[in-house]
Amino acid sequence: MDQNQISPARAKQYVQEVFAKLGMPHEDTLIAAEYIVRSDLVGADAHGIFRMPQYVQRFLQGGMNIHPKIKSIKDTGPMALLDGDNGLGHLVMFRSTELAIKKAKEFGIGWVGSNNGNHSGAGAHYVNKIADEGLVGIYLAVGSANHMAPTGGSSRLISTNPIAFGVPAGPGKPHMILDMATTVTAFGKIKVKAQKNEAMPVGWMIDEKGQPITDPKKATEGTLLPIGDHKGYGLALMIGMLAGCMNGGGMGSNVVDFNKDSSTVTNTGQTMIAINPDFFMGQDYFLSEVGRVIDELHASKTLPGVDRIRVPGEGAKATEEKRSQEGIPLAPELRAALNECALSLGVSTI
């Protein structure tokens, strides 16, 4: 494996060693490594090991709790609210996902909100875990910094507030996974471009006068554009209501920019929902219908120049299979940042 790649096993080992050095319990390092590196495996590079130096900085400066005691604040029937104790977001969402699955199997739906959390990487991982159980997963979150202005405005009051869906597709088919920011791109992708000294496409960001910004190092001077114009703004706002305001998490001016501030608690709000098809038409019927619709989409006519119709999740699955075999791409700039982080802690470089 060349210098521009890293094996998934070594990437996970790196994450575990770094977090263990900071004092994270062993079982938590296993969960963190699994979900952080999974982002790299499926091609969501901006949510993977790229984030490690930032996580370390937040732990060292008191912005995150290295050994959180995640607990239930309320737990009644199919509903629950968790306090993440300012832990790494991956740990909070892992706990939320497990509880949502348990409740969905018992009550038909599990709706688990959380507050006092942090950035948790790609929401796809958690809804995928729910789909593994034959359930439908929905993930809502308030992003970790405000990068979007309301339609017609220039004040950054809303984050990229992501939403993800996971639908099991039955034997022989990858789960249907849709994971997206409500802005035209996730801010993490801009950070990756800044690290690589690459320009942003026109249409990602605008300045206070409405003019395009293409230099990622000037991203703090502008706002991200929403998907679908005012519709994306509205969707981001409603996600914030259900993941932030309802759960006691930050929203609007209460959102802390974790890109600039490594010591203030972000109080990130998130919601995980699991739905059991057995409480409707039954799982067998549901999987059969999902499979039928997928087959129809694959067999449908294509436009000139299009080889085939794809459904959400197929691209990520193909990338995961490829990178599991060939390794995860590792840009020289990222390797240098990761090694600098490792040396500062006295752990092995990569």
Protein backbone atom coordinates (compact mmCIF):
# COMPACT_ATOMS: atom_id res chain seq x y z
CA MET A 1 0.00 0.00 0.00
CA ASP A 2 1.57 3.31 -1.08
CA GLN A 3 1.98 6.56 0.83
CA ASN A 4 -1.28 7.90 -0.56
CA GLN A 5 -3.36 5.19 1.10
CA ILE A 6 -3.94 3.68 4.51
CA SER A 7 -5.53 0.35 5.38
CA PRO A 8 -8.84 0.47 7.28
CA ALA A 9 -7.28 -1.59 10.07
CA ARG A 10 -4.40 0.88 10.51
CA ALA A 11 -6.77 3.84 10.40
CA LYS A 12 -8.87 2.31 13.20
CA GLN A 13 -5.72 1.54 15.19
CA TYR A 14 -4.65 5.17 14.84
CA VAL A 15 -8.00 6.44 16.16
CA GLN A 16 -7.91 4.01 19.09
CA GLU A 17 -4.34 4.87 20.03
CA VAL A 18 -4.97 8.62 19.92
CA PHE A 19 -8.15 8.48 21.99
CA ALA A 20 -6.71 5.96 24.44
CA LYS A 21 -3.77 8.32 25.02
CA LEU A 22 -6.26 11.01 25.96
CA GLY A 23 -7.91 8.69 28.48
CA MET A 24 -10.95 7.40 26.58
CA PRO A 25 -12.20 4.03 27.88
CA HIS A 26 -11.26 1.09 25.65
CA GLU A 27 -14.83 0.16 24.68
CA ASP A 28 -15.49 3.74 23.64
CA THR A 29 -12.34 3.82 21.48
CA LEU A 30 -13.63 0.76 19.59
CA ILE A 31 -16.96 2.45 18.83
CA ALA A 32 -15.30 5.73 17.88
CA ALA A 33 -12.80 4.05 15.57
CA GLU A 34 -15.50 1.99 13.86
CA TYR A 35 -17.73 4.94 13.03
CA ILE A 36 -15.01 7.48 12.22
CA VAL A 37 -13.21 5.17 9.79
CA ARG A 38 -16.47 3.98 8.27
CA SER A 39 -16.88 7.52 6.93
CA ASP A 40 -13.62 7.13 5.02
CA LEU A 41 -14.62 3.69 3.77
CA VAL A 42 -17.87 4.94 2.20
CA GLY A 43 -16.30 8.06 0.72
CA ALA A 44 -17.52 10.61 3.28
CA ASP A 45 -13.92 11.72 3.79
CA ALA A 46 -14.80 15.04 5.42
CA HIS A 47 -16.31 13.10 8.35
CA GLY A 48 -13.52 10.52 8.78
CA ILE A 49 -9.97 10.62 10.13
CA PHE A 50 -9.70 14.10 8.64
CA ARG A 51 -11.54 15.23 11.79
CA MET A 52 -9.12 13.67 14.29
CA PRO A 53 -6.89 16.71 14.91
CA GLN A 54 -9.97 18.82 15.56
CA TYR A 55 -11.45 16.25 17.96
CA VAL A 56 -8.14 16.05 19.82
CA GLN A 57 -7.94 19.82 20.12
CA ARG A 58 -11.45 19.96 21.57
CA PHE A 59 -10.66 17.23 24.11
CA LEU A 60 -7.44 18.96 25.17
CA GLN A 61 -9.07 22.38 25.48
CA GLY A 62 -12.10 21.13 27.40
CA GLY A 63 -14.65 21.41 24.62
CA MET A 64 -15.48 17.68 24.84
CA ASN A 65 -15.57 15.13 27.65
CA ILE A 66 -13.24 12.17 27.06
CA HIS A 67 -15.14 9.83 29.41
CA PRO A 68 -18.84 10.79 29.26
CA LYS A 69 -21.57 9.17 31.31
CA ILE A 70 -24.39 9.16 28.76
CA LYS A 71 -27.74 8.84 30.52
CA SER A 72 -31.47 8.99 30.00
CA ILE A 73 -33.18 12.17 31.13
CA LYS A 74 -36.63 10.85 30.17
CA ASP A 75 -37.66 7.36 29.03
CA THR A 76 -41.33 6.58 28.48
CA GLY A 77 -42.61 3.89 26.11
CA PRO A 78 -41.32 4.54 22.58
CA MET A 79 -39.77 7.91 23.46
CA ALA A 80 -36.55 8.87 25.23
CA LEU A 81 -34.26 11.85 25.74
CA LEU A 82 -30.55 11.34 26.39
CA ASP A 83 -27.94 13.61 27.94
CA GLY A 84 -24.70 13.04 26.04
CA ASP A 85 -22.56 14.47 28.88
CA ASN A 86 -20.59 16.41 26.24
CA GLY A 87 -19.11 13.20 24.87
CA LEU A 88 -17.84 12.50 21.37
CA GLY A 89 -20.93 12.59 19.14
CA HIS A 90 -20.31 9.11 17.73
CA LEU A 91 -20.69 7.64 21.21
CA VAL A 92 -23.88 9.57 21.88
CA MET A 93 -25.46 8.55 18.59
CA PHE A 94 -24.39 4.92 18.97
CA ARG A 95 -26.27 4.85 22.28
CA SER A 96 -29.26 6.66 20.76
CA THR A 97 -29.37 4.23 17.84
CA GLU A 98 -29.27 1.15 20.04
CA LEU A 99 -32.08 2.52 22.21
CA ALA A 100 -34.20 3.49 19.19
CA ILE A 101 -33.84 -0.03 17.76
CA LYS A 102 -34.85 -1.60 21.05
CA LYS A 103 -37.92 0.58 21.34
CA ALA A 104 -38.98 0.08 17.71
CA LYS A 105 -38.94 -3.67 18.15
CA GLU A 106 -41.14 -3.37 21.23
CA PHE A 107 -43.43 -0.46 20.39
CA GLY A 108 -43.24 -0.14 16.60
CA ILE A 109 -41.29 3.11 16.78
CA GLY A 110 -38.35 4.35 18.78
CA TRP A 111 -37.86 8.12 18.92
CA VAL A 112 -34.73 9.11 20.82
CA GLY A 113 -33.63 12.70 21.14
CA SER A 114 -30.37 13.84 22.67
CA ASN A 115 -28.72 17.02 23.87
CA ASN A 116 -25.27 17.90 25.19
CA GLY A 117 -23.73 15.99 22.28
CA ASN A 118 -21.11 16.81 19.65
CA HIS A 119 -20.26 16.32 15.99
CA SER A 120 -20.96 12.64 15.19
CA GLY A 121 -19.75 12.23 11.62
CA ALA A 122 -22.02 10.92 8.89
CA GLY A 123 -25.61 10.20 9.84
CA ALA A 124 -25.63 7.40 7.27
CA HIS A 125 -23.81 5.07 9.65
CA TYR A 126 -26.54 5.18 12.28
CA VAL A 127 -29.49 4.72 9.92
CA ASN A 128 -27.53 1.91 8.26
CA LYS A 129 -27.24 0.19 11.63
CA ILE A 130 -31.02 0.49 12.02
CA ALA A 131 -31.60 -0.90 8.51
CA ASP A 132 -29.40 -3.88 9.44
CA GLU A 133 -32.14 -4.77 11.91
CA GLY A 134 -34.82 -4.67 9.21
CA LEU A 135 -36.09 -1.32 10.45
CA VAL A 136 -36.35 2.10 8.84
CA GLY A 137 -34.04 4.74 10.30
CA ILE A 138 -34.30 8.53 10.26
CA TYR A 139 -31.61 10.85 11.62
CA LEU A 140 -31.90 14.59 12.26
CA ALA A 141 -29.23 16.90 13.64
CA VAL A 142 -28.29 20.49 14.23
CA GLY A 143 -24.89 21.10 12.66
CA SER A 144 -21.87 22.18 14.67
CA ALA A 145 -21.60 25.70 13.28
CA ASN A 146 -23.94 28.16 11.58
CA HIS A 147 -22.97 28.46 7.91
CA MET A 148 -26.30 29.36 6.27
CA ALA A 149 -28.38 32.51 6.26
CA PRO A 150 -32.17 32.47 6.00
CA THR A 151 -33.43 32.98 2.46
CA GLY A 152 -33.03 36.64 1.56
CA GLY A 153 -30.71 37.35 4.48
CA SER A 154 -26.97 37.49 5.13
CA SER A 155 -26.74 36.65 8.85
CA ARG A 156 -25.53 33.09 9.49
CA LEU A 157 -28.19 31.73 11.85
CA ILE A 158 -28.67 28.17 10.59
CA SER A 159 -26.31 25.25 10.23
CA THR A 160 -26.05 22.60 7.52
CA ASN A 161 -28.60 20.62 9.58
CA PRO A 162 -28.33 17.13 8.03
CA ILE A 163 -31.01 14.50 7.54
CA ALA A 164 -30.49 10.82 6.80
CA PHE A 165 -32.76 7.89 5.94
CA GLY A 166 -32.01 4.19 6.01
CA VAL A 167 -34.38 1.69 4.36
CA PRO A 168 -33.64 -2.05 4.32
CA ALA A 169 -33.77 -3.44 0.79
CA GLY A 170 -33.86 -7.17 1.38
CA PRO A 171 -31.55 -10.03 0.36
CA GLY A 172 -28.94 -9.28 -2.28
CA LYS A 173 -29.49 -5.52 -2.29
CA PRO A 174 -27.66 -2.80 -0.35
CA HIS A 175 -29.78 -0.74 2.01
CA MET A 176 -31.21 2.46 0.55
CA ILE A 177 -29.27 5.16 2.39
CA LEU A 178 -29.82 8.87 1.86
CA ASP A 179 -27.60 11.19 3.92
CA MET A 180 -27.44 14.85 3.05
CA ALA A 181 -26.83 18.32 4.38
CA THR A 182 -29.55 20.86 3.78
CA THR A 183 -26.92 23.11 2.19
CA VAL A 184 -25.54 22.40 -1.28
CA THR A 185 -22.47 20.90 0.36
CA ALA A 186 -21.32 19.98 3.84
CA PHE A 187 -18.89 22.46 5.36
CA GLY A 188 -16.42 19.64 5.95
CA LYS A 189 -15.92 19.38 2.19
CA ILE A 190 -14.86 23.02 2.16
CA LYS A 191 -12.35 22.30 4.92
CA VAL A 192 -10.92 19.43 2.86
CA LYS A 193 -10.55 21.72 -0.16
CA ALA A 194 -8.84 24.33 1.99
CA GLN A 195 -6.36 21.73 3.22
CA LYS A 196 -5.63 20.69 -0.39
CA ASN A 197 -5.56 24.29 -1.69
CA GLU A 198 -8.38 23.52 -4.14
CA ALA A 199 -11.01 26.01 -5.30
CA MET A 200 -14.72 25.62 -4.55
CA PRO A 201 -17.24 25.45 -7.40
CA VAL A 202 -19.42 28.49 -8.02
CA GLY A 203 -22.75 27.89 -6.31
CA TRP A 204 -21.46 26.63 -2.96
CA MET A 205 -21.06 29.93 -1.10
CA ILE A 206 -21.83 33.62 -1.49
CA ASP A 207 -20.57 36.71 0.33
CA GLU A 208 -22.66 39.35 2.07
CA LYS A 209 -23.33 41.03 -1.28
CA GLY A 210 -24.55 37.82 -2.88
CA GLN A 211 -21.39 37.29 -4.96
CA PRO A 212 -19.84 33.80 -5.33
CA ILE A 213 -16.93 32.74 -3.11
CA THR A 214 -14.60 30.13 -4.59
CA ASP A 215 -11.62 30.40 -2.24
CA PRO A 216 -12.28 27.93 0.62
CA LYS A 217 -9.97 29.91 2.89
CA LYS A 218 -12.46 32.79 2.67
CA ALA A 219 -15.38 30.61 3.72
CA THR A 220 -15.82 32.51 6.99
CA GLU A 221 -16.66 35.61 4.96
CA GLY A 222 -19.79 34.14 3.41
CA THR A 223 -22.70 31.74 3.73
CA LEU A 224 -23.44 28.33 2.30
CA LEU A 225 -26.37 28.16 -0.08
CA PRO A 226 -29.33 25.88 0.78
CA ILE A 227 -30.46 23.02 -1.43
CA GLY A 228 -33.50 23.98 -3.48
CA ASP A 229 -33.30 27.65 -2.54
CA HIS A 230 -35.98 28.53 0.05
CA LYS A 231 -37.02 24.88 0.36
CA GLY A 232 -33.62 23.90 1.74
CA TYR A 233 -33.73 26.79 4.20
CA GLY A 234 -37.17 25.67 5.37
CA LEU A 235 -36.08 22.05 5.72
CA ALA A 236 -32.98 23.02 7.71
CA LEU A 237 -35.13 25.16 9.99
CA MET A 238 -37.62 22.36 10.71
CA ILE A 239 -34.84 19.85 11.35
CA GLY A 240 -33.47 22.32 13.88
CA MET A 241 -36.85 22.47 15.60
CA LEU A 242 -36.99 18.67 16.04
CA ALA A 243 -33.32 18.01 16.77
CA GLY A 244 -32.38 21.18 18.62
CA CYS A 245 -35.29 23.04 20.19
CA MET A 246 -37.31 19.94 21.13
CA ASN A 247 -34.31 18.22 22.74
CA GLY A 248 -32.83 21.17 24.57
CA GLY A 249 -29.91 21.44 22.16
CA GLY A 250 -28.44 24.57 20.62
CA MET A 251 -30.20 26.22 17.68
CA GLY A 252 -29.92 29.62 16.02
CA SER A 253 -27.63 32.02 17.88
CA ASN A 254 -27.02 29.38 20.57
CA VAL A 255 -25.04 27.18 18.15
CA VAL A 256 -21.32 27.22 18.94
CA ASP A 257 -18.92 27.23 15.98
CA PHE A 258 -16.68 24.29 16.80
CA ASN A 259 -14.36 25.26 13.95
CA LYS A 260 -13.34 28.43 15.78
CA ASP A 261 -13.98 27.53 19.43
CA SER A 262 -12.46 24.38 20.95
CA SER A 263 -13.27 25.07 24.60
CA THR A 264 -16.98 25.96 24.70
CA VAL A 265 -19.53 23.13 25.05
CA THR A 266 -21.54 22.91 21.81
CA ASN A 267 -24.66 21.25 23.26
CA THR A 268 -25.42 19.62 19.92
CA GLY A 269 -28.98 18.33 19.56
CA GLN A 270 -29.79 15.21 17.54
CA THR A 271 -32.72 12.86 16.96
CA MET A 272 -32.72 9.20 15.97
CA ILE A 273 -35.90 7.46 14.88
CA ALA A 274 -36.38 3.74 14.17
CA ILE A 275 -39.63 2.43 12.63
CA ASN A 276 -40.69 -1.21 12.54
CA PRO A 277 -42.43 -2.33 9.30
CA ASP A 278 -44.01 -5.25 11.17
CA PHE A 279 -46.40 -2.75 12.77
CA PHE A 280 -47.69 -1.78 9.32
CA MET A 281 -47.94 -4.21 6.39
CA GLY A 282 -45.25 -6.48 7.77
CA GLN A 283 -41.54 -6.70 7.11
CA ASP A 284 -41.76 -9.34 4.36
CA TYR A 285 -44.25 -7.28 2.39
CA PHE A 286 -42.26 -4.11 2.91
CA LEU A 287 -38.96 -5.64 1.78
CA SER A 288 -40.66 -7.16 -1.25
CA GLU A 289 -42.11 -3.82 -2.28
CA VAL A 290 -38.83 -1.98 -1.70
CA GLY A 291 -37.05 -4.55 -3.83
CA ARG A 292 -39.67 -4.26 -6.57
CA VAL A 293 -39.36 -0.48 -6.74
CA ILE A 294 -35.56 -0.69 -6.84
CA ASP A 295 -35.74 -3.18 -9.70
CA GLU A 296 -38.11 -0.89 -11.59
CA LEU A 297 -35.76 2.05 -11.15
CA HIS A 298 -32.79 0.02 -12.35
CA ALA A 299 -34.73 -1.13 -15.40
CA SER A 300 -36.06 2.32 -16.30
CA LYS A 301 -35.01 4.24 -19.39
CA THR A 302 -31.96 6.46 -19.18
CA LEU A 303 -31.09 9.78 -20.75
CA PRO A 304 -28.37 9.93 -23.41
CA GLY A 305 -24.94 9.45 -21.86
CA VAL A 306 -26.26 7.82 -18.69
CA ASP A 307 -25.16 4.21 -18.22
CA ARG A 308 -27.65 3.19 -15.49
CA ILE A 309 -30.05 4.45 -12.88
CA ARG A 310 -28.78 4.28 -9.32
CA VAL A 311 -30.58 4.49 -6.00
CA PRO A 312 -29.27 6.14 -2.83
CA GLY A 313 -26.66 4.04 -1.03
CA GLU A 314 -25.28 2.13 -4.01
CA GLY A 315 -22.38 4.47 -4.59
CA ALA A 316 -21.32 4.39 -0.94
CA LYS A 317 -21.54 0.59 -0.88
CA ALA A 318 -19.35 0.30 -3.98
CA THR A 319 -16.82 2.71 -2.50
CA GLU A 320 -16.78 0.74 0.76
CA GLU A 321 -16.06 -2.51 -1.06
CA LYS A 322 -13.28 -0.90 -3.10
CA ARG A 323 -11.59 0.85 -0.20
CA SER A 324 -11.87 -2.19 2.05
CA GLN A 325 -9.73 -4.03 -0.46
CA GLU A 326 -7.44 -1.31 -1.79
CA GLY A 327 -7.16 1.04 1.18
CA ILE A 328 -8.40 4.53 2.07
CA PRO A 329 -6.99 7.47 0.08
CA LEU A 330 -4.74 9.63 2.23
CA ALA A 331 -3.63 12.98 0.83
CA PRO A 332 -0.12 14.12 1.82
CA GLU A 333 -1.58 17.16 3.59
CA LEU A 334 -3.86 14.96 5.69
CA ARG A 335 -1.09 12.50 6.52
CA ALA A 336 1.06 15.38 7.72
CA ALA A 337 -1.75 16.73 9.93
CA LEU A 338 -2.46 13.30 11.40
CA ASN A 339 1.23 12.65 12.08
CA GLU A 340 1.64 16.05 13.72
CA CYS A 341 -1.29 15.16 15.98
CA ALA A 342 0.22 11.75 16.77
CA LEU A 343 3.66 13.15 17.59
CA SER A 344 2.17 15.75 19.91
CA LEU A 345 0.58 12.92 21.91
CA GLY A 346 3.48 10.48 21.70
CA VAL A 347 1.68 7.79 19.70
CA SER A 348 2.61 6.04 16.47
CA THR A 349 2.50 8.01 13.22
CA ILE A 350 0.87 6.61 10.08
